[in-house]
PDB file of N, CA and C in Angstrom:
ATOM      1  N   UNK A   1      -7.118 -36.739   6.455  1.00  0.00           N
ATOM      2  CA  UNK A   1      -7.799 -36.722   7.727  1.00  0.00           C
ATOM      3  C   UNK A   1      -6.765 -36.586   8.838  1.00  0.00           C
ATOM      4  N   UNK A   2      -7.103 -35.832   9.866  1.00  0.00           N
ATOM      5  CA  UNK A   2      -6.205 -35.587  10.980  1.00  0.00           C
ATOM      6  C   UNK A   2      -6.507 -36.567  12.100  1.00  0.00           C
ATOM      7  N   UNK A   3      -5.482 -37.172  12.639  1.00  0.00           N
ATOM      8  CA  UNK A   3      -5.694 -38.099  13.743  1.00  0.00           C
ATOM      9  C   UNK A   3      -5.772 -37.341  15.053  1.00  0.00           C
ATOM     10  N   UNK A   4      -6.307 -37.997  16.061  1.00  0.00           N
ATOM     11  CA  UNK A   4      -6.439 -37.381  17.380  1.00  0.00           C
ATOM     12  C   UNK A   4      -5.073 -36.995  17.939  1.00  0.00           C
ATOM     13  N   UNK A   5      -4.048 -37.800  17.638  1.00  0.00           N
ATOM     14  CA  UNK A   5      -2.722 -37.513  18.196  1.00  0.00           C
ATOM     15  C   UNK A   5      -2.140 -36.198  17.666  1.00  0.00           C
ATOM     16  N   UNK A   6      -2.630 -35.720  16.501  1.00  0.00           N
ATOM     17  CA  UNK A   6      -2.155 -34.442  15.978  1.00  0.00           C
ATOM     18  C   UNK A   6      -2.540 -33.281  16.881  1.00  0.00           C
ATOM     19  N   UNK A   7      -3.524 -33.461  17.708  1.00  0.00           N
ATOM     20  CA  UNK A   7      -4.016 -32.388  18.562  1.00  0.00           C
ATOM     21  C   UNK A   7      -3.551 -32.524  20.007  1.00  0.00           C
ATOM     22  N   UNK A   8      -2.811 -33.566  20.295  1.00  0.00           N
ATOM     23  CA  UNK A   8      -2.337 -33.769  21.659  1.00  0.00           C
ATOM     24  C   UNK A   8      -1.068 -32.951  21.882  1.00  0.00           C
ATOM     25  N   UNK A   9      -0.834 -32.530  23.128  1.00  0.00           N
ATOM     26  CA  UNK A   9       0.376 -31.756  23.414  1.00  0.00           C
ATOM     27  C   UNK A   9       1.630 -32.579  23.131  1.00  0.00           C
ATOM     28  N   UNK A  10       2.659 -31.911  22.685  1.00  0.00           N
ATOM     29  CA  UNK A  10       3.949 -32.544  22.452  1.00  0.00           C
ATOM     30  C   UNK A  10       4.830 -32.314  23.662  1.00  0.00           C
ATOM     31  N   UNK A  11       5.832 -33.164  23.866  1.00  0.00           N
ATOM     32  CA  UNK A  11       6.756 -32.937  24.986  1.00  0.00           C
ATOM     33  C   UNK A  11       7.373 -31.537  24.879  1.00  0.00           C
ATOM     34  N   UNK A  12       7.392 -30.841  25.973  1.00  0.00           N
ATOM     35  CA  UNK A  12       7.960 -29.499  25.986  1.00  0.00           C
ATOM     36  C   UNK A  12       6.945 -28.392  25.752  1.00  0.00           C
ATOM     37  N   UNK A  13       5.719 -28.740  25.290  1.00  0.00           N
ATOM     38  CA  UNK A  13       4.688 -27.711  25.116  1.00  0.00           C
ATOM     39  C   UNK A  13       4.329 -27.126  26.473  1.00  0.00           C
ATOM     40  N   UNK A  14       4.149 -25.828  26.514  1.00  0.00           N
ATOM     41  CA  UNK A  14       3.846 -25.152  27.772  1.00  0.00           C
ATOM     42  C   UNK A  14       2.394 -24.693  27.833  1.00  0.00           C
ATOM     43  N   UNK A  15       1.600 -25.081  26.881  1.00  0.00           N
ATOM     44  CA  UNK A  15       0.203 -24.699  26.887  1.00  0.00           C
ATOM     45  C   UNK A  15      -0.104 -23.665  25.827  1.00  0.00           C
ATOM     46  N   UNK A  16      -1.251 -23.055  25.931  1.00  0.00           N
ATOM     47  CA  UNK A  16      -1.661 -22.077  24.918  1.00  0.00           C
ATOM     48  C   UNK A  16      -0.684 -20.909  24.840  1.00  0.00           C
ATOM     49  N   UNK A  17      -0.502 -20.413  23.627  1.00  0.00           N
ATOM     50  CA  UNK A  17       0.353 -19.254  23.385  1.00  0.00           C
ATOM     51  C   UNK A  17      -0.464 -18.210  22.655  1.00  0.00           C
ATOM     52  N   UNK A  18      -0.046 -16.942  22.736  1.00  0.00           N
ATOM     53  CA  UNK A  18      -0.749 -15.900  21.984  1.00  0.00           C
ATOM     54  C   UNK A  18      -0.664 -16.174  20.484  1.00  0.00           C
ATOM     55  N   UNK A  19      -1.720 -15.878  19.775  1.00  0.00           N
ATOM     56  CA  UNK A  19      -1.756 -16.095  18.331  1.00  0.00           C
ATOM     57  C   UNK A  19      -0.641 -15.320  17.642  1.00  0.00           C
ATOM     58  N   UNK A  20      -0.333 -14.130  18.122  1.00  0.00           N
ATOM     59  CA  UNK A  20       0.699 -13.304  17.510  1.00  0.00           C
ATOM     60  C   UNK A  20       2.038 -14.005  17.410  1.00  0.00           C
ATOM     61  N   UNK A  21       2.427 -14.745  18.453  1.00  0.00           N
ATOM     62  CA  UNK A  21       3.720 -15.435  18.397  1.00  0.00           C
ATOM     63  C   UNK A  21       3.695 -16.542  17.364  1.00  0.00           C
ATOM     64  N   UNK A  22       2.560 -17.210  17.209  1.00  0.00           N
ATOM     65  CA  UNK A  22       2.444 -18.248  16.171  1.00  0.00           C
ATOM     66  C   UNK A  22       2.501 -17.618  14.788  1.00  0.00           C
ATOM     67  N   UNK A  23       1.827 -16.484  14.616  1.00  0.00           N
ATOM     68  CA  UNK A  23       1.863 -15.796  13.328  1.00  0.00           C
ATOM     69  C   UNK A  23       3.264 -15.306  13.012  1.00  0.00           C
ATOM     70  N   UNK A  24       3.982 -14.844  14.032  1.00  0.00           N
ATOM     71  CA  UNK A  24       5.356 -14.402  13.821  1.00  0.00           C
ATOM     72  C   UNK A  24       6.230 -15.558  13.341  1.00  0.00           C
ATOM     73  N   UNK A  25       6.035 -16.747  13.906  1.00  0.00           N
ATOM     74  CA  UNK A  25       6.818 -17.917  13.491  1.00  0.00           C
ATOM     75  C   UNK A  25       6.517 -18.282  12.040  1.00  0.00           C
ATOM     76  N   UNK A  26       5.261 -18.246  11.664  1.00  0.00           N
ATOM     77  CA  UNK A  26       4.885 -18.532  10.278  1.00  0.00           C
ATOM     78  C   UNK A  26       5.474 -17.476   9.350  1.00  0.00           C
ATOM     79  N   UNK A  27       5.394 -16.215   9.736  1.00  0.00           N
ATOM     80  CA  UNK A  27       5.926 -15.127   8.919  1.00  0.00           C
ATOM     81  C   UNK A  27       7.429 -15.298   8.694  1.00  0.00           C
ATOM     82  N   UNK A  28       8.164 -15.684   9.750  1.00  0.00           N
ATOM     83  CA  UNK A  28       9.611 -15.907   9.599  1.00  0.00           C
ATOM     84  C   UNK A  28       9.894 -16.996   8.570  1.00  0.00           C
ATOM     85  N   UNK A  29       9.107 -18.070   8.614  1.00  0.00           N
ATOM     86  CA  UNK A  29       9.310 -19.158   7.654  1.00  0.00           C
ATOM     87  C   UNK A  29       9.027 -18.710   6.231  1.00  0.00           C
ATOM     88  N   UNK A  30       8.114 -17.759   6.059  1.00  0.00           N
ATOM     89  CA  UNK A  30       7.767 -17.262   4.728  1.00  0.00           C
ATOM     90  C   UNK A  30       8.674 -16.113   4.282  1.00  0.00           C
ATOM     91  N   UNK A  31       9.511 -15.625   5.175  1.00  0.00           N
ATOM     92  CA  UNK A  31      10.425 -14.541   4.831  1.00  0.00           C
ATOM     93  C   UNK A  31       9.788 -13.166   4.849  1.00  0.00           C
ATOM     94  N   UNK A  32       8.661 -13.026   5.514  1.00  0.00           N
ATOM     95  CA  UNK A  32       8.011 -11.721   5.604  1.00  0.00           C
ATOM     96  C   UNK A  32       8.171 -11.176   7.017  1.00  0.00           C
ATOM     97  N   UNK A  33       7.795  -9.932   7.186  1.00  0.00           N
ATOM     98  CA  UNK A  33       7.922  -9.282   8.490  1.00  0.00           C
ATOM     99  C   UNK A  33       7.023  -9.965   9.516  1.00  0.00           C
ATOM    100  N   UNK A  34       7.363  -9.769  10.770  1.00  0.00           N
ATOM    101  CA  UNK A  34       6.531 -10.374  11.801  1.00  0.00           C
ATOM    102  C   UNK A  34       5.163  -9.696  11.851  1.00  0.00           C
ATOM    103  N   UNK A  35       4.213 -10.401  12.423  1.00  0.00           N
ATOM    104  CA  UNK A  35       2.833  -9.925  12.463  1.00  0.00           C
ATOM    105  C   UNK A  35       2.721  -8.601  13.199  1.00  0.00           C
ATOM    106  N   UNK A  36       3.523  -8.414  14.229  1.00  0.00           N
ATOM    107  CA  UNK A  36       3.482  -7.171  14.998  1.00  0.00           C
ATOM    108  C   UNK A  36       3.886  -5.991  14.125  1.00  0.00           C
ATOM    109  N   UNK A  37       4.947  -6.157  13.336  1.00  0.00           N
ATOM    110  CA  UNK A  37       5.411  -5.084  12.453  1.00  0.00           C
ATOM    111  C   UNK A  37       4.370  -4.792  11.377  1.00  0.00           C
ATOM    112  N   UNK A  38       3.821  -5.832  10.781  1.00  0.00           N
ATOM    113  CA  UNK A  38       2.799  -5.629   9.754  1.00  0.00           C
ATOM    114  C   UNK A  38       1.593  -4.882  10.315  1.00  0.00           C
ATOM    115  N   UNK A  39       1.147  -5.302  11.474  1.00  0.00           N
ATOM    116  CA  UNK A  39      -0.001  -4.654  12.102  1.00  0.00           C
ATOM    117  C   UNK A  39       0.297  -3.189  12.389  1.00  0.00           C
ATOM    118  N   UNK A  40       1.491  -2.914  12.901  1.00  0.00           N
ATOM    119  CA  UNK A  40       1.856  -1.537  13.229  1.00  0.00           C
ATOM    120  C   UNK A  40       1.878  -0.664  11.981  1.00  0.00           C
ATOM    121  N   UNK A  41       2.455  -1.151  10.891  1.00  0.00           N
ATOM    122  CA  UNK A  41       2.526  -0.358   9.660  1.00  0.00           C
ATOM    123  C   UNK A  41       1.141  -0.132   9.085  1.00  0.00           C
ATOM    124  N   UNK A  42       0.359  -1.200   8.950  1.00  0.00           N
ATOM    125  CA  UNK A  42      -0.945  -1.082   8.308  1.00  0.00           C
ATOM    126  C   UNK A  42      -1.945  -0.290   9.154  1.00  0.00           C
ATOM    127  N   UNK A  43      -1.926  -0.478  10.452  1.00  0.00           N
ATOM    128  CA  UNK A  43      -2.917   0.209  11.289  1.00  0.00           C
ATOM    129  C   UNK A  43      -2.557   1.666  11.568  1.00  0.00           C
ATOM    130  N   UNK A  44      -1.272   2.006  11.521  1.00  0.00           N
ATOM    131  CA  UNK A  44      -0.856   3.373  11.851  1.00  0.00           C
ATOM    132  C   UNK A  44      -0.375   4.136  10.624  1.00  0.00           C
ATOM    133  N   UNK A  45      -0.733   3.685   9.433  1.00  0.00           N
ATOM    134  CA  UNK A  45      -0.236   4.318   8.217  1.00  0.00           C
ATOM    135  C   UNK A  45      -0.535   5.822   8.195  1.00  0.00           C
ATOM    136  N   UNK A  46      -1.768   6.208   8.490  1.00  0.00           N
ATOM    137  CA  UNK A  46      -2.140   7.625   8.492  1.00  0.00           C
ATOM    138  C   UNK A  46      -1.330   8.436   9.478  1.00  0.00           C
ATOM    139  N   UNK A  47      -1.049   7.862  10.620  1.00  0.00           N
ATOM    140  CA  UNK A  47      -0.249   8.539  11.640  1.00  0.00           C
ATOM    141  C   UNK A  47       1.214   8.655  11.196  1.00  0.00           C
ATOM    142  N   UNK A  48       1.705   7.634  10.512  1.00  0.00           N
ATOM    143  CA  UNK A  48       3.104   7.627  10.077  1.00  0.00           C
ATOM    144  C   UNK A  48       3.376   8.613   8.948  1.00  0.00           C
ATOM    145  N   UNK A  49       2.445   8.722   7.991  1.00  0.00           N
ATOM    146  CA  UNK A  49       2.695   9.569   6.814  1.00  0.00           C
ATOM    147  C   UNK A  49       1.849  10.823   6.768  1.00  0.00           C
ATOM    148  N   UNK A  50       0.869  10.929   7.646  1.00  0.00           N
ATOM    149  CA  UNK A  50      -0.065  12.055   7.612  1.00  0.00           C
ATOM    150  C   UNK A  50      -1.295  11.676   6.804  1.00  0.00           C
ATOM    151  N   UNK A  51      -2.416  12.231   7.192  1.00  0.00           N
ATOM    152  CA  UNK A  51      -3.690  11.844   6.569  1.00  0.00           C
ATOM    153  C   UNK A  51      -3.781  12.187   5.086  1.00  0.00           C
ATOM    154  N   UNK A  52      -3.199  13.306   4.661  1.00  0.00           N
ATOM    155  CA  UNK A  52      -3.293  13.673   3.242  1.00  0.00           C
ATOM    156  C   UNK A  52      -2.513  12.691   2.368  1.00  0.00           C
ATOM    157  N   UNK A  53      -1.334  12.275   2.816  1.00  0.00           N
ATOM    158  CA  UNK A  53      -0.558  11.288   2.055  1.00  0.00           C
ATOM    159  C   UNK A  53      -1.238   9.924   2.141  1.00  0.00           C
ATOM    160  N   UNK A  54      -1.754   9.576   3.306  1.00  0.00           N
ATOM    161  CA  UNK A  54      -2.426   8.290   3.487  1.00  0.00           C
ATOM    162  C   UNK A  54      -3.657   8.150   2.594  1.00  0.00           C
ATOM    163  N   UNK A  55      -4.299   9.268   2.280  1.00  0.00           N
ATOM    164  CA  UNK A  55      -5.475   9.220   1.412  1.00  0.00           C
ATOM    165  C   UNK A  55      -5.113   8.807  -0.016  1.00  0.00           C
ATOM    166  N   UNK A  56      -3.838   8.886  -0.364  1.00  0.00           N
ATOM    167  CA  UNK A  56      -3.392   8.561  -1.724  1.00  0.00           C
ATOM    168  C   UNK A  56      -2.363   7.429  -1.762  1.00  0.00           C
ATOM    169  N   UNK A  57      -2.123   6.795  -0.619  1.00  0.00           N
ATOM    170  CA  UNK A  57      -1.132   5.721  -0.566  1.00  0.00           C
ATOM    171  C   UNK A  57      -1.592   4.624   0.377  1.00  0.00           C
ATOM    172  N   UNK A  58      -1.048   3.429   0.145  1.00  0.00           N
ATOM    173  CA  UNK A  58      -1.384   2.296   1.004  1.00  0.00           C
ATOM    174  C   UNK A  58      -0.179   1.357   1.083  1.00  0.00           C
ATOM    175  N   UNK A  59       0.159   0.912   2.305  1.00  0.00           N
ATOM    176  CA  UNK A  59       1.236  -0.070   2.395  1.00  0.00           C
ATOM    177  C   UNK A  59       0.752  -1.378   1.767  1.00  0.00           C
ATOM    178  N   UNK A  60       1.583  -1.976   0.931  1.00  0.00           N
ATOM    179  CA  UNK A  60       1.165  -3.181   0.208  1.00  0.00           C
ATOM    180  C   UNK A  60       1.880  -4.436   0.693  1.00  0.00           C
ATOM    181  N   UNK A  61       3.007  -4.285   1.354  1.00  0.00           N
ATOM    182  CA  UNK A  61       3.717  -5.455   1.837  1.00  0.00           C
ATOM    183  C   UNK A  61       5.022  -5.087   2.495  1.00  0.00           C
ATOM    184  N   UNK A  62       5.509  -6.013   3.306  1.00  0.00           N
ATOM    185  CA  UNK A  62       6.783  -5.826   3.999  1.00  0.00           C
ATOM    186  C   UNK A  62       7.509  -7.162   3.976  1.00  0.00           C
ATOM    187  N   UNK A  63       8.494  -7.266   3.103  1.00  0.00           N
ATOM    188  CA  UNK A  63       9.235  -8.511   2.928  1.00  0.00           C
ATOM    189  C   UNK A  63      10.725  -8.226   2.897  1.00  0.00           C
ATOM    190  N   UNK A  64      11.458  -8.960   3.695  1.00  0.00           N
ATOM    191  CA  UNK A  64      12.905  -8.805   3.710  1.00  0.00           C
ATOM    192  C   UNK A  64      13.377  -7.389   3.985  1.00  0.00           C
ATOM    193  N   UNK A  65      12.635  -6.648   4.798  1.00  0.00           N
ATOM    194  CA  UNK A  65      12.996  -5.269   5.124  1.00  0.00           C
ATOM    195  C   UNK A  65      12.503  -4.237   4.129  1.00  0.00           C
ATOM    196  N   UNK A  66      11.947  -4.686   3.013  1.00  0.00           N
ATOM    197  CA  UNK A  66      11.455  -3.757   1.981  1.00  0.00           C
ATOM    198  C   UNK A  66       9.960  -3.509   2.190  1.00  0.00           C
ATOM    199  N   UNK A  67       9.623  -2.249   2.447  1.00  0.00           N
ATOM    200  CA  UNK A  67       8.228  -1.836   2.560  1.00  0.00           C
ATOM    201  C   UNK A  67       7.768  -1.350   1.193  1.00  0.00           C
ATOM    202  N   UNK A  68       6.805  -2.049   0.612  1.00  0.00           N
ATOM    203  CA  UNK A  68       6.245  -1.652  -0.672  1.00  0.00           C
ATOM    204  C   UNK A  68       4.986  -0.849  -0.407  1.00  0.00           C
ATOM    205  N   UNK A  69       4.911   0.316  -1.056  1.00  0.00           N
ATOM    206  CA  UNK A  69       3.778   1.220  -0.879  1.00  0.00           C
ATOM    207  C   UNK A  69       3.197   1.526  -2.251  1.00  0.00           C
ATOM    208  N   UNK A  70       1.880   1.403  -2.364  1.00  0.00           N
ATOM    209  CA  UNK A  70       1.195   1.760  -3.596  1.00  0.00           C
ATOM    210  C   UNK A  70       0.596   3.149  -3.489  1.00  0.00           C
ATOM    211  N   UNK A  71       0.746   3.932  -4.549  1.00  0.00           N
ATOM    212  CA  UNK A  71       0.164   5.279  -4.591  1.00  0.00           C
ATOM    213  C   UNK A  71      -0.735   5.377  -5.816  1.00  0.00           C
ATOM    214  N   UNK A  72      -1.663   6.341  -5.800  1.00  0.00           N
ATOM    215  CA  UNK A  72      -2.637   6.435  -6.888  1.00  0.00           C
ATOM    216  C   UNK A  72      -2.244   7.396  -8.010  1.00  0.00           C
ATOM    217  N   UNK A  73      -1.072   8.036  -7.887  1.00  0.00           N
ATOM    218  CA  UNK A  73      -0.672   9.008  -8.906  1.00  0.00           C
ATOM    219  C   UNK A  73       0.846   9.199  -8.823  1.00  0.00           C
ATOM    220  N   UNK A  74       1.514   9.406  -9.960  1.00  0.00           N
ATOM    221  CA  UNK A  74       2.967   9.627  -9.923  1.00  0.00           C
ATOM    222  C   UNK A  74       3.391  10.792  -9.029  1.00  0.00           C
ATOM    223  N   UNK A  75       2.568  11.823  -8.934  1.00  0.00           N
ATOM    224  CA  UNK A  75       2.921  12.956  -8.072  1.00  0.00           C
ATOM    225  C   UNK A  75       3.015  12.523  -6.608  1.00  0.00           C
ATOM    226  N   UNK A  76       2.139  11.608  -6.196  1.00  0.00           N
ATOM    227  CA  UNK A  76       2.187  11.110  -4.821  1.00  0.00           C
ATOM    228  C   UNK A  76       3.383  10.190  -4.624  1.00  0.00           C
ATOM    229  N   UNK A  77       3.800   9.498  -5.667  1.00  0.00           N
ATOM    230  CA  UNK A  77       5.012   8.684  -5.581  1.00  0.00           C
ATOM    231  C   UNK A  77       6.211   9.590  -5.297  1.00  0.00           C
ATOM    232  N   UNK A  78       6.284  10.695  -6.006  1.00  0.00           N
ATOM    233  CA  UNK A  78       7.362  11.658  -5.792  1.00  0.00           C
ATOM    234  C   UNK A  78       7.319  12.199  -4.365  1.00  0.00           C
ATOM    235  N   UNK A  79       6.141  12.551  -3.904  1.00  0.00           N
ATOM    236  CA  UNK A  79       5.974  13.075  -2.544  1.00  0.00           C
ATOM    237  C   UNK A  79       6.431  12.058  -1.501  1.00  0.00           C
ATOM    238  N   UNK A  80       6.021  10.810  -1.673  1.00  0.00           N
ATOM    239  CA  UNK A  80       6.376   9.786  -0.698  1.00  0.00           C
ATOM    240  C   UNK A  80       7.876   9.493  -0.722  1.00  0.00           C
ATOM    241  N   UNK A  81       8.464   9.506  -1.899  1.00  0.00           N
ATOM    242  CA  UNK A  81       9.918   9.306  -1.981  1.00  0.00           C
ATOM    243  C   UNK A  81      10.658  10.469  -1.297  1.00  0.00           C
ATOM    244  N   UNK A  82      10.132  11.677  -1.456  1.00  0.00           N
ATOM    245  CA  UNK A  82      10.722  12.842  -0.814  1.00  0.00           C
ATOM    246  C   UNK A  82      10.629  12.713   0.711  1.00  0.00           C
ATOM    247  N   UNK A  83       9.509  12.143   1.186  1.00  0.00           N
ATOM    248  CA  UNK A  83       9.312  11.931   2.621  1.00  0.00           C
ATOM    249  C   UNK A  83      10.048  10.696   3.136  1.00  0.00           C
ATOM    250  N   UNK A  84      10.659   9.938   2.242  1.00  0.00           N
ATOM    251  CA  UNK A  84      11.293   8.667   2.583  1.00  0.00           C
ATOM    252  C   UNK A  84      12.176   8.672   3.811  1.00  0.00           C
ATOM    253  N   UNK A  85      13.169   9.561   3.898  1.00  0.00           N
ATOM    254  CA  UNK A  85      14.045   9.545   5.076  1.00  0.00           C
ATOM    255  C   UNK A  85      13.281   9.768   6.394  1.00  0.00           C
ATOM    256  N   UNK A  86      12.341  10.702   6.407  1.00  0.00           N
ATOM    257  CA  UNK A  86      11.566  10.953   7.623  1.00  0.00           C
ATOM    258  C   UNK A  86      10.670   9.755   7.951  1.00  0.00           C
ATOM    259  N   UNK A  87      10.094   9.145   6.922  1.00  0.00           N
ATOM    260  CA  UNK A  87       9.247   7.972   7.127  1.00  0.00           C
ATOM    261  C   UNK A  87      10.073   6.806   7.667  1.00  0.00           C
ATOM    262  N   UNK A  88      11.254   6.598   7.117  1.00  0.00           N
ATOM    263  CA  UNK A  88      12.122   5.518   7.604  1.00  0.00           C
ATOM    264  C   UNK A  88      12.481   5.740   9.072  1.00  0.00           C
ATOM    265  N   UNK A  89      12.698   6.986   9.446  1.00  0.00           N
ATOM    266  CA  UNK A  89      13.005   7.313  10.837  1.00  0.00           C
ATOM    267  C   UNK A  89      11.819   6.983  11.746  1.00  0.00           C
ATOM    268  N   UNK A  90      10.612   7.365  11.324  1.00  0.00           N
ATOM    269  CA  UNK A  90       9.403   7.069  12.111  1.00  0.00           C
ATOM    270  C   UNK A  90       9.178   5.567  12.231  1.00  0.00           C
ATOM    271  N   UNK A  91       9.410   4.844  11.127  1.00  0.00           N
ATOM    272  CA  UNK A  91       9.241   3.388  11.150  1.00  0.00           C
ATOM    273  C   UNK A  91      10.239   2.742  12.109  1.00  0.00           C
ATOM    274  N   UNK A  92      11.472   3.227  12.123  1.00  0.00           N
ATOM    275  CA  UNK A  92      12.483   2.689  13.039  1.00  0.00           C
ATOM    276  C   UNK A  92      12.092   2.958  14.491  1.00  0.00           C
ATOM    277  N   UNK A  93      11.535   4.140  14.760  1.00  0.00           N
ATOM    278  CA  UNK A  93      11.078   4.461  16.113  1.00  0.00           C
ATOM    279  C   UNK A  93       9.935   3.547  16.533  1.00  0.00           C
ATOM    280  N   UNK A  94       9.005   3.297  15.618  1.00  0.00           N
ATOM    281  CA  UNK A  94       7.811   2.507  15.917  1.00  0.00           C
ATOM    282  C   UNK A  94       8.111   1.015  15.974  1.00  0.00           C
ATOM    283  N   UNK A  95       8.932   0.504  15.025  1.00  0.00           N
ATOM    284  CA  UNK A  95       9.124  -0.936  14.869  1.00  0.00           C
ATOM    285  C   UNK A  95      10.466  -1.442  15.376  1.00  0.00           C
ATOM    286  N   UNK A  96      11.411  -0.535  15.504  1.00  0.00           N
ATOM    287  CA  UNK A  96      12.772  -0.928  15.855  1.00  0.00           C
ATOM    288  C   UNK A  96      13.671  -0.808  14.633  1.00  0.00           C
ATOM    289  N   UNK A  97      14.927  -0.574  14.897  1.00  0.00           N
ATOM    290  CA  UNK A  97      15.895  -0.402  13.816  1.00  0.00           C
ATOM    291  C   UNK A  97      16.024  -1.693  13.009  1.00  0.00           C
ATOM    292  N   UNK A  98      16.104  -1.543  11.691  1.00  0.00           N
ATOM    293  CA  UNK A  98      16.340  -2.681  10.814  1.00  0.00           C
ATOM    294  C   UNK A  98      15.122  -3.454  10.358  1.00  0.00           C
ATOM    295  N   UNK A  99      13.946  -3.151  10.898  1.00  0.00           N
ATOM    296  CA  UNK A  99      12.737  -3.867  10.450  1.00  0.00           C
ATOM    297  C   UNK A  99      12.387  -3.430   9.040  1.00  0.00           C
ATOM    298  N   UNK A 100      12.408  -2.122   8.794  1.00  0.00           N
ATOM    299  CA  UNK A 100      12.213  -1.595   7.441  1.00  0.00           C
ATOM    300  C   UNK A 100      13.533  -0.953   7.035  1.00  0.00           C
ATOM    301  N   UNK A 101      14.128  -1.476   5.964  1.00  0.00           N
ATOM    302  CA  UNK A 101      15.426  -0.978   5.510  1.00  0.00           C
ATOM    303  C   UNK A 101      15.352  -0.313   4.145  1.00  0.00           C
ATOM    304  N   UNK A 102      14.225  -0.477   3.476  1.00  0.00           N
ATOM    305  CA  UNK A 102      14.083   0.052   2.116  1.00  0.00           C
ATOM    306  C   UNK A 102      12.623   0.407   1.857  1.00  0.00           C
ATOM    307  N   UNK A 103      12.418   1.494   1.128  1.00  0.00           N
ATOM    308  CA  UNK A 103      11.078   1.932   0.752  1.00  0.00           C
ATOM    309  C   UNK A 103      10.932   1.796  -0.761  1.00  0.00           C
ATOM    310  N   UNK A 104       9.927   1.051  -1.185  1.00  0.00           N
ATOM    311  CA  UNK A 104       9.663   0.815  -2.605  1.00  0.00           C
ATOM    312  C   UNK A 104       8.284   1.397  -2.930  1.00  0.00           C
ATOM    313  N   UNK A 105       8.260   2.526  -3.620  1.00  0.00           N
ATOM    314  CA  UNK A 105       6.999   3.211  -3.932  1.00  0.00           C
ATOM    315  C   UNK A 105       6.618   2.887  -5.372  1.00  0.00           C
ATOM    316  N   UNK A 106       5.382   2.453  -5.549  1.00  0.00           N
ATOM    317  CA  UNK A 106       4.886   2.086  -6.879  1.00  0.00           C
ATOM    318  C   UNK A 106       3.538   2.730  -7.143  1.00  0.00           C
ATOM    319  N   UNK A 107       3.345   3.159  -8.374  1.00  0.00           N
ATOM    320  CA  UNK A 107       2.059   3.732  -8.782  1.00  0.00           C
ATOM    321  C   UNK A 107       1.121   2.572  -9.096  1.00  0.00           C
ATOM    322  N   UNK A 108      -0.047   2.563  -8.434  1.00  0.00           N
ATOM    323  CA  UNK A 108      -1.045   1.508  -8.657  1.00  0.00           C
ATOM    324  C   UNK A 108      -1.841   1.776  -9.910  1.00  0.00           C
ATOM    325  N   UNK A 109      -2.317   0.737 -10.517  1.00  0.00           N
ATOM    326  CA  UNK A 109      -3.223   0.866 -11.641  1.00  0.00           C
ATOM    327  C   UNK A 109      -4.578   1.358 -11.154  1.00  0.00           C
ATOM    328  N   UNK A 110      -5.244   2.211 -11.935  1.00  0.00           N
ATOM    329  CA  UNK A 110      -6.581   2.651 -11.517  1.00  0.00           C
ATOM    330  C   UNK A 110      -7.533   1.467 -11.428  1.00  0.00           C
ATOM    331  N   UNK A 111      -8.402   1.521 -10.430  1.00  0.00           N
ATOM    332  CA  UNK A 111      -9.372   0.428 -10.245  1.00  0.00           C
ATOM    333  C   UNK A 111     -10.621   0.681 -11.043  1.00  0.00           C
TER     334      UNK A 111
END
């Protein structure tokens, strides 16, 4: 059970903060990318890789600079690896240098 004092402001609190900054703090503790970077990758995937590639691939995670991407066929894995340098450049432009440092492409199991 939570006591009332758990909900009272602590010394130094400045009031409400955006949820994104709280999520970023939690993400740092878990060793994953910040919420802003995750949102940018997942929401703009089609724009980053093109709609035809996006139809066969999905970002699966971003941890420690490694972006894991699942594809539905080995041929698309090859295509995405070939696009790797250009994709890394686009990600650096969108997210900042060093947020994504490695691309890990994996073929997903059929559903």
